Amino acid sequence: MVGKARADDGDKDGGEAGRASSMPMARDPAVAVAEEYEAARRQGTRQAFELFIARHGDDPLAEQARAELKRLSR
């Protein structure tokens, strides 16, 4: 019984290398970009949209940000 308890203790101390719980899951980059776009949209300023475009100019949401900039210029 003592041997079994010691084997279980090793697992609790992180005895397994590369356990899933030791490292957080990577965020989906598309979700992060979409959240950043929404934050710029909520701010609704030229500066916010320009910053988004500077960071994510190749993303499809950059076109929406450019359209918002044009709308703000009117």
PDB file of N, CA and C in Angstrom:
ATOM      1  N   MET A   1       0.817  -1.189   0.000  1.00  0.00           N
ATOM      2  CA  MET A   1       0.000   0.000   0.000  1.00  0.00           C
ATOM      3  C   MET A   1       0.863   1.256   0.000  1.00  0.00           C
ATOM      4  N   VAL A   2       1.972   1.230   0.728  1.00  0.00           N
ATOM      5  CA  VAL A   2       2.852   2.383   0.794  1.00  0.00           C
ATOM      6  C   VAL A   2       3.459   2.678  -0.575  1.00  0.00           C
ATOM      7  N   GLY A   3       3.844   1.646  -1.303  1.00  0.00           N
ATOM      8  CA  GLY A   3       4.403   1.814  -2.638  1.00  0.00           C
ATOM      9  C   GLY A   3       3.432   2.502  -3.584  1.00  0.00           C
ATOM     10  N   LYS A   4       2.169   2.142  -3.488  1.00  0.00           N
ATOM     11  CA  LYS A   4       1.149   2.748  -4.330  1.00  0.00           C
ATOM     12  C   LYS A   4       0.986   4.220  -3.995  1.00  0.00           C
ATOM     13  N   ALA A   5       0.998   4.565  -2.724  1.00  0.00           N
ATOM     14  CA  ALA A   5       0.852   5.952  -2.310  1.00  0.00           C
ATOM     15  C   ALA A   5       2.011   6.784  -2.835  1.00  0.00           C
ATOM     16  N   ARG A   6       3.201   6.264  -2.807  1.00  0.00           N
ATOM     17  CA  ARG A   6       4.364   7.008  -3.307  1.00  0.00           C
ATOM     18  C   ARG A   6       4.281   7.227  -4.815  1.00  0.00           C
ATOM     19  N   ALA A   7       3.804   6.244  -5.542  1.00  0.00           N
ATOM     20  CA  ALA A   7       3.658   6.393  -6.991  1.00  0.00           C
ATOM     21  C   ALA A   7       2.641   7.482  -7.311  1.00  0.00           C
ATOM     22  N   ASP A   8       1.549   7.528  -6.561  1.00  0.00           N
ATOM     23  CA  ASP A   8       0.539   8.563  -6.773  1.00  0.00           C
ATOM     24  C   ASP A   8       1.080   9.936  -6.428  1.00  0.00           C
ATOM     25  N   ASP A   9       1.895  10.047  -5.398  1.00  0.00           N
ATOM     26  CA  ASP A   9       2.469  11.329  -5.005  1.00  0.00           C
ATOM     27  C   ASP A   9       3.323  11.913  -6.125  1.00  0.00           C
ATOM     28  N   GLY A  10       4.029  11.081  -6.856  1.00  0.00           N
ATOM     29  CA  GLY A  10       4.869  11.554  -7.951  1.00  0.00           C
ATOM     30  C   GLY A  10       4.054  12.255  -9.021  1.00  0.00           C
ATOM     31  N   ASP A  11       2.873  11.761  -9.299  1.00  0.00           N
ATOM     32  CA  ASP A  11       2.027  12.396 -10.296  1.00  0.00           C
ATOM     33  C   ASP A  11       1.520  13.743  -9.820  1.00  0.00           C
ATOM     34  N   LYS A  12       1.236  13.874  -8.544  1.00  0.00           N
ATOM     35  CA  LYS A  12       0.727  15.133  -8.000  1.00  0.00           C
ATOM     36  C   LYS A  12       1.772  16.230  -8.030  1.00  0.00           C
ATOM     37  N   ASP A  13       3.026  15.866  -7.953  1.00  0.00           N
ATOM     38  CA  ASP A  13       4.107  16.850  -7.945  1.00  0.00           C
ATOM     39  C   ASP A  13       4.526  17.268  -9.346  1.00  0.00           C
ATOM     40  N   GLY A  14       3.803  16.879 -10.342  1.00  0.00           N
ATOM     41  CA  GLY A  14       4.167  17.234 -11.703  1.00  0.00           C
ATOM     42  C   GLY A  14       5.209  16.308 -12.274  1.00  0.00           C
ATOM     43  N   GLY A  15       5.191  15.055 -11.869  1.00  0.00           N
ATOM     44  CA  GLY A  15       6.159  14.085 -12.332  1.00  0.00           C
ATOM     45  C   GLY A  15       6.117  13.847 -13.832  1.00  0.00           C
ATOM     46  N   GLU A  16       4.983  14.084 -14.462  1.00  0.00           N
ATOM     47  CA  GLU A  16       4.885  13.887 -15.905  1.00  0.00           C
ATOM     48  C   GLU A  16       5.351  15.142 -16.619  1.00  0.00           C
ATOM     49  N   ALA A  17       6.259  14.977 -17.559  1.00  0.00           N
ATOM     50  CA  ALA A  17       6.725  16.114 -18.353  1.00  0.00           C
ATOM     51  C   ALA A  17       5.675  16.442 -19.407  1.00  0.00           C
ATOM     52  N   GLY A  18       5.475  17.742 -19.645  1.00  0.00           N
ATOM     53  CA  GLY A  18       4.565  18.173 -20.696  1.00  0.00           C
ATOM     54  C   GLY A  18       3.103  17.969 -20.397  1.00  0.00           C
ATOM     55  N   ARG A  19       2.720  18.046 -19.162  1.00  0.00           N
ATOM     56  CA  ARG A  19       1.308  17.892 -18.813  1.00  0.00           C
ATOM     57  C   ARG A  19       0.527  19.069 -19.369  1.00  0.00           C
ATOM     58  N   ALA A  20      -0.648  18.823 -19.850  1.00  0.00           N
ATOM     59  CA  ALA A  20      -1.479  19.854 -20.462  1.00  0.00           C
ATOM     60  C   ALA A  20      -1.829  20.959 -19.475  1.00  0.00           C
ATOM     61  N   SER A  21      -2.019  20.627 -18.216  1.00  0.00           N
ATOM     62  CA  SER A  21      -2.436  21.631 -17.247  1.00  0.00           C
ATOM     63  C   SER A  21      -1.307  22.585 -16.866  1.00  0.00           C
ATOM     64  N   SER A  22      -0.074  22.274 -17.207  1.00  0.00           N
ATOM     65  CA  SER A  22       1.034  23.142 -16.823  1.00  0.00           C
ATOM     66  C   SER A  22       1.221  24.310 -17.776  1.00  0.00           C
ATOM     67  N   MET A  23       0.592  24.272 -18.941  1.00  0.00           N
ATOM     68  CA  MET A  23       0.745  25.348 -19.910  1.00  0.00           C
ATOM     69  C   MET A  23      -0.633  25.735 -20.436  1.00  0.00           C
ATOM     70  N   PRO A  24      -0.960  27.030 -20.443  1.00  0.00           N
ATOM     71  CA  PRO A  24      -2.276  27.434 -20.942  1.00  0.00           C
ATOM     72  C   PRO A  24      -2.382  27.193 -22.442  1.00  0.00           C
ATOM     73  N   MET A  25      -3.602  27.025 -22.894  1.00  0.00           N
ATOM     74  CA  MET A  25      -3.847  26.843 -24.323  1.00  0.00           C
ATOM     75  C   MET A  25      -3.519  28.145 -25.048  1.00  0.00           C
ATOM     76  N   ALA A  26      -3.000  28.033 -26.254  1.00  0.00           N
ATOM     77  CA  ALA A  26      -2.713  29.213 -27.068  1.00  0.00           C
ATOM     78  C   ALA A  26      -4.027  29.819 -27.532  1.00  0.00           C
ATOM     79  N   ARG A  27      -4.075  31.158 -27.560  1.00  0.00           N
ATOM     80  CA  ARG A  27      -5.279  31.838 -28.036  1.00  0.00           C
ATOM     81  C   ARG A  27      -5.348  31.767 -29.548  1.00  0.00           C
ATOM     82  N   ASP A  28      -6.538  31.725 -30.062  1.00  0.00           N
ATOM     83  CA  ASP A  28      -6.747  31.777 -31.499  1.00  0.00           C
ATOM     84  C   ASP A  28      -6.427  33.193 -31.963  1.00  0.00           C
ATOM     85  N   PRO A  29      -5.444  33.380 -32.846  1.00  0.00           N
ATOM     86  CA  PRO A  29      -5.071  34.725 -33.292  1.00  0.00           C
ATOM     87  C   PRO A  29      -6.232  35.486 -33.920  1.00  0.00           C
ATOM     88  N   ALA A  30      -7.105  34.809 -34.647  1.00  0.00           N
ATOM     89  CA  ALA A  30      -8.241  35.482 -35.277  1.00  0.00           C
ATOM     90  C   ALA A  30      -9.181  36.066 -34.227  1.00  0.00           C
ATOM     91  N   VAL A  31      -9.344  35.373 -33.130  1.00  0.00           N
ATOM     92  CA  VAL A  31     -10.205  35.868 -32.050  1.00  0.00           C
ATOM     93  C   VAL A  31      -9.569  37.098 -31.407  1.00  0.00           C
ATOM     94  N   ALA A  32      -8.266  37.063 -31.194  1.00  0.00           N
ATOM     95  CA  ALA A  32      -7.574  38.203 -30.594  1.00  0.00           C
ATOM     96  C   ALA A  32      -7.682  39.436 -31.491  1.00  0.00           C
ATOM     97  N   VAL A  33      -7.536  39.264 -32.803  1.00  0.00           N
ATOM     98  CA  VAL A  33      -7.648  40.384 -33.741  1.00  0.00           C
ATOM     99  C   VAL A  33      -9.071  40.924 -33.739  1.00  0.00           C
ATOM    100  N   ALA A  34     -10.047  40.047 -33.743  1.00  0.00           N
ATOM    101  CA  ALA A  34     -11.449  40.480 -33.724  1.00  0.00           C
ATOM    102  C   ALA A  34     -11.758  41.265 -32.449  1.00  0.00           C
ATOM    103  N   GLU A  35     -11.229  40.825 -31.328  1.00  0.00           N
ATOM    104  CA  GLU A  35     -11.432  41.553 -30.072  1.00  0.00           C
ATOM    105  C   GLU A  35     -10.784  42.931 -30.134  1.00  0.00           C
ATOM    106  N   GLU A  36      -9.614  43.000 -30.740  1.00  0.00           N
ATOM    107  CA  GLU A  36      -8.941  44.294 -30.870  1.00  0.00           C
ATOM    108  C   GLU A  36      -9.725  45.225 -31.797  1.00  0.00           C
ATOM    109  N   TYR A  37     -10.293  44.685 -32.857  1.00  0.00           N
ATOM    110  CA  TYR A  37     -11.128  45.498 -33.748  1.00  0.00           C
ATOM    111  C   TYR A  37     -12.354  46.027 -32.999  1.00  0.00           C
ATOM    112  N   GLU A  38     -12.990  45.174 -32.237  1.00  0.00           N
ATOM    113  CA  GLU A  38     -14.170  45.594 -31.468  1.00  0.00           C
ATOM    114  C   GLU A  38     -13.810  46.690 -30.468  1.00  0.00           C
ATOM    115  N   ALA A  39     -12.646  46.583 -29.875  1.00  0.00           N
ATOM    116  CA  ALA A  39     -12.204  47.621 -28.935  1.00  0.00           C
ATOM    117  C   ALA A  39     -12.010  48.950 -29.674  1.00  0.00           C
ATOM    118  N   ALA A  40     -11.430  48.902 -30.861  1.00  0.00           N
ATOM    119  CA  ALA A  40     -11.252  50.123 -31.661  1.00  0.00           C
ATOM    120  C   ALA A  40     -12.612  50.695 -32.053  1.00  0.00           C
ATOM    121  N   ARG A  41     -13.529  49.828 -32.428  1.00  0.00           N
ATOM    122  CA  ARG A  41     -14.867  50.281 -32.817  1.00  0.00           C
ATOM    123  C   ARG A  41     -15.595  50.935 -31.641  1.00  0.00           C
ATOM    124  N   ARG A  42     -15.449  50.346 -30.445  1.00  0.00           N
ATOM    125  CA  ARG A  42     -16.082  50.934 -29.261  1.00  0.00           C
ATOM    126  C   ARG A  42     -15.505  52.317 -28.959  1.00  0.00           C
ATOM    127  N   GLN A  43     -14.178  52.454 -29.143  1.00  0.00           N
ATOM    128  CA  GLN A  43     -13.564  53.771 -28.922  1.00  0.00           C
ATOM    129  C   GLN A  43     -14.038  54.758 -29.972  1.00  0.00           C
ATOM    130  N   GLY A  44     -14.124  54.271 -31.211  1.00  0.00           N
ATOM    131  CA  GLY A  44     -14.664  55.085 -32.293  1.00  0.00           C
ATOM    132  C   GLY A  44     -13.815  56.278 -32.674  1.00  0.00           C
ATOM    133  N   THR A  45     -12.526  56.229 -32.409  1.00  0.00           N
ATOM    134  CA  THR A  45     -11.653  57.355 -32.734  1.00  0.00           C
ATOM    135  C   THR A  45     -10.750  57.022 -33.919  1.00  0.00           C
ATOM    136  N   ARG A  46     -10.306  58.078 -34.597  1.00  0.00           N
ATOM    137  CA  ARG A  46      -9.339  57.906 -35.688  1.00  0.00           C
ATOM    138  C   ARG A  46      -8.109  57.167 -35.201  1.00  0.00           C
ATOM    139  N   GLN A  47      -7.621  57.591 -34.051  1.00  0.00           N
ATOM    140  CA  GLN A  47      -6.404  56.998 -33.504  1.00  0.00           C
ATOM    141  C   GLN A  47      -6.566  55.487 -33.278  1.00  0.00           C
ATOM    142  N   ALA A  48      -7.698  55.072 -32.759  1.00  0.00           N
ATOM    143  CA  ALA A  48      -7.934  53.648 -32.486  1.00  0.00           C
ATOM    144  C   ALA A  48      -7.948  52.843 -33.779  1.00  0.00           C
ATOM    145  N   PHE A  49      -8.624  53.361 -34.818  1.00  0.00           N
ATOM    146  CA  PHE A  49      -8.670  52.640 -36.079  1.00  0.00           C
ATOM    147  C   PHE A  49      -7.315  52.643 -36.782  1.00  0.00           C
ATOM    148  N   GLU A  50      -6.611  53.748 -36.718  1.00  0.00           N
ATOM    149  CA  GLU A  50      -5.283  53.803 -37.333  1.00  0.00           C
ATOM    150  C   GLU A  50      -4.326  52.816 -36.659  1.00  0.00           C
ATOM    151  N   LEU A  51      -4.405  52.714 -35.355  1.00  0.00           N
ATOM    152  CA  LEU A  51      -3.557  51.764 -34.633  1.00  0.00           C
ATOM    153  C   LEU A  51      -3.907  50.329 -35.034  1.00  0.00           C
ATOM    154  N   PHE A  52      -5.196  50.036 -35.134  1.00  0.00           N
ATOM    155  CA  PHE A  52      -5.606  48.699 -35.552  1.00  0.00           C
ATOM    156  C   PHE A  52      -5.055  48.385 -36.944  1.00  0.00           C
ATOM    157  N   ILE A  53      -5.180  49.318 -37.872  1.00  0.00           N
ATOM    158  CA  ILE A  53      -4.694  49.110 -39.238  1.00  0.00           C
ATOM    159  C   ILE A  53      -3.174  48.942 -39.251  1.00  0.00           C
ATOM    160  N   ALA A  54      -2.475  49.714 -38.437  1.00  0.00           N
ATOM    161  CA  ALA A  54      -1.018  49.588 -38.373  1.00  0.00           C
ATOM    162  C   ALA A  54      -0.609  48.199 -37.879  1.00  0.00           C
ATOM    163  N   ARG A  55      -1.350  47.665 -36.950  1.00  0.00           N
ATOM    164  CA  ARG A  55      -1.019  46.345 -36.386  1.00  0.00           C
ATOM    165  C   ARG A  55      -1.498  45.190 -37.257  1.00  0.00           C
ATOM    166  N   HIS A  56      -2.630  45.373 -37.932  1.00  0.00           N
ATOM    167  CA  HIS A  56      -3.282  44.259 -38.634  1.00  0.00           C
ATOM    168  C   HIS A  56      -3.700  44.653 -40.042  1.00  0.00           C
ATOM    169  N   GLY A  57      -2.853  45.353 -40.749  1.00  0.00           N
ATOM    170  CA  GLY A  57      -3.180  45.875 -42.073  1.00  0.00           C
ATOM    171  C   GLY A  57      -3.580  44.831 -43.096  1.00  0.00           C
ATOM    172  N   ASP A  58      -3.130  43.598 -42.944  1.00  0.00           N
ATOM    173  CA  ASP A  58      -3.455  42.543 -43.896  1.00  0.00           C
ATOM    174  C   ASP A  58      -4.710  41.752 -43.517  1.00  0.00           C
ATOM    175  N   ASP A  59      -5.241  41.994 -42.350  1.00  0.00           N
ATOM    176  CA  ASP A  59      -6.423  41.258 -41.893  1.00  0.00           C
ATOM    177  C   ASP A  59      -7.667  41.804 -42.586  1.00  0.00           C
ATOM    178  N   PRO A  60      -8.633  40.951 -42.905  1.00  0.00           N
ATOM    179  CA  PRO A  60      -9.874  41.432 -43.522  1.00  0.00           C
ATOM    180  C   PRO A  60     -10.586  42.520 -42.706  1.00  0.00           C
ATOM    181  N   LEU A  61     -10.450  42.489 -41.392  1.00  0.00           N
ATOM    182  CA  LEU A  61     -11.083  43.523 -40.570  1.00  0.00           C
ATOM    183  C   LEU A  61     -10.441  44.899 -40.773  1.00  0.00           C
ATOM    184  N   ALA A  62      -9.236  44.931 -41.334  1.00  0.00           N
ATOM    185  CA  ALA A  62      -8.587  46.214 -41.616  1.00  0.00           C
ATOM    186  C   ALA A  62      -9.390  46.998 -42.650  1.00  0.00           C
ATOM    187  N   GLU A  63     -10.035  46.301 -43.579  1.00  0.00           N
ATOM    188  CA  GLU A  63     -10.890  46.982 -44.560  1.00  0.00           C
ATOM    189  C   GLU A  63     -12.063  47.670 -43.861  1.00  0.00           C
ATOM    190  N   GLN A  64     -12.633  47.008 -42.887  1.00  0.00           N
ATOM    191  CA  GLN A  64     -13.725  47.620 -42.124  1.00  0.00           C
ATOM    192  C   GLN A  64     -13.202  48.823 -41.347  1.00  0.00           C
ATOM    193  N   ALA A  65     -12.007  48.711 -40.804  1.00  0.00           N
ATOM    194  CA  ALA A  65     -11.415  49.824 -40.065  1.00  0.00           C
ATOM    195  C   ALA A  65     -11.159  51.009 -41.006  1.00  0.00           C
ATOM    196  N   ARG A  66     -10.724  50.719 -42.224  1.00  0.00           N
ATOM    197  CA  ARG A  66     -10.511  51.793 -43.205  1.00  0.00           C
ATOM    198  C   ARG A  66     -11.840  52.465 -43.565  1.00  0.00           C
ATOM    199  N   ALA A  67     -12.879  51.687 -43.686  1.00  0.00           N
ATOM    200  CA  ALA A  67     -14.205  52.245 -43.970  1.00  0.00           C
ATOM    201  C   ALA A  67     -14.663  53.134 -42.818  1.00  0.00           C
ATOM    202  N   GLU A  68     -14.386  52.707 -41.600  1.00  0.00           N
ATOM    203  CA  GLU A  68     -14.739  53.532 -40.437  1.00  0.00           C
ATOM    204  C   GLU A  68     -13.961  54.850 -40.446  1.00  0.00           C
ATOM    205  N   LEU A  69     -12.691  54.792 -40.852  1.00  0.00           N
ATOM    206  CA  LEU A  69     -11.897  56.020 -40.945  1.00  0.00           C
ATOM    207  C   LEU A  69     -12.502  56.979 -41.966  1.00  0.00           C
ATOM    208  N   LYS A  70     -12.922  56.449 -43.095  1.00  0.00           N
ATOM    209  CA  LYS A  70     -13.562  57.301 -44.115  1.00  0.00           C
ATOM    210  C   LYS A  70     -14.847  57.927 -43.566  1.00  0.00           C
ATOM    211  N   ARG A  71     -15.600  57.121 -42.837  1.00  0.00           N
ATOM    212  CA  ARG A  71     -16.859  57.624 -42.261  1.00  0.00           C
ATOM    213  C   ARG A  71     -16.575  58.742 -41.256  1.00  0.00           C
ATOM    214  N   LEU A  72     -15.512  58.571 -40.475  1.00  0.00           N
ATOM    215  CA  LEU A  72     -15.152  59.600 -39.483  1.00  0.00           C
ATOM    216  C   LEU A  72     -14.672  60.883 -40.143  1.00  0.00           C
ATOM    217  N   SER A  73     -14.120  60.774 -41.358  1.00  0.00           N
ATOM    218  CA  SER A  73     -13.578  61.944 -42.059  1.00  0.00           C
ATOM    219  C   SER A  73     -14.690  62.840 -42.618  1.00  0.00           C
ATOM    220  N   ARG A  74     -15.893  62.292 -42.743  1.00  0.00           N
ATOM    221  CA  ARG A  74     -16.998  63.079 -43.311  1.00  0.00           C
ATOM    222  C   ARG A  74     -17.503  64.118 -42.371  1.00  0.00           C
TER     223      ARG A  74
END
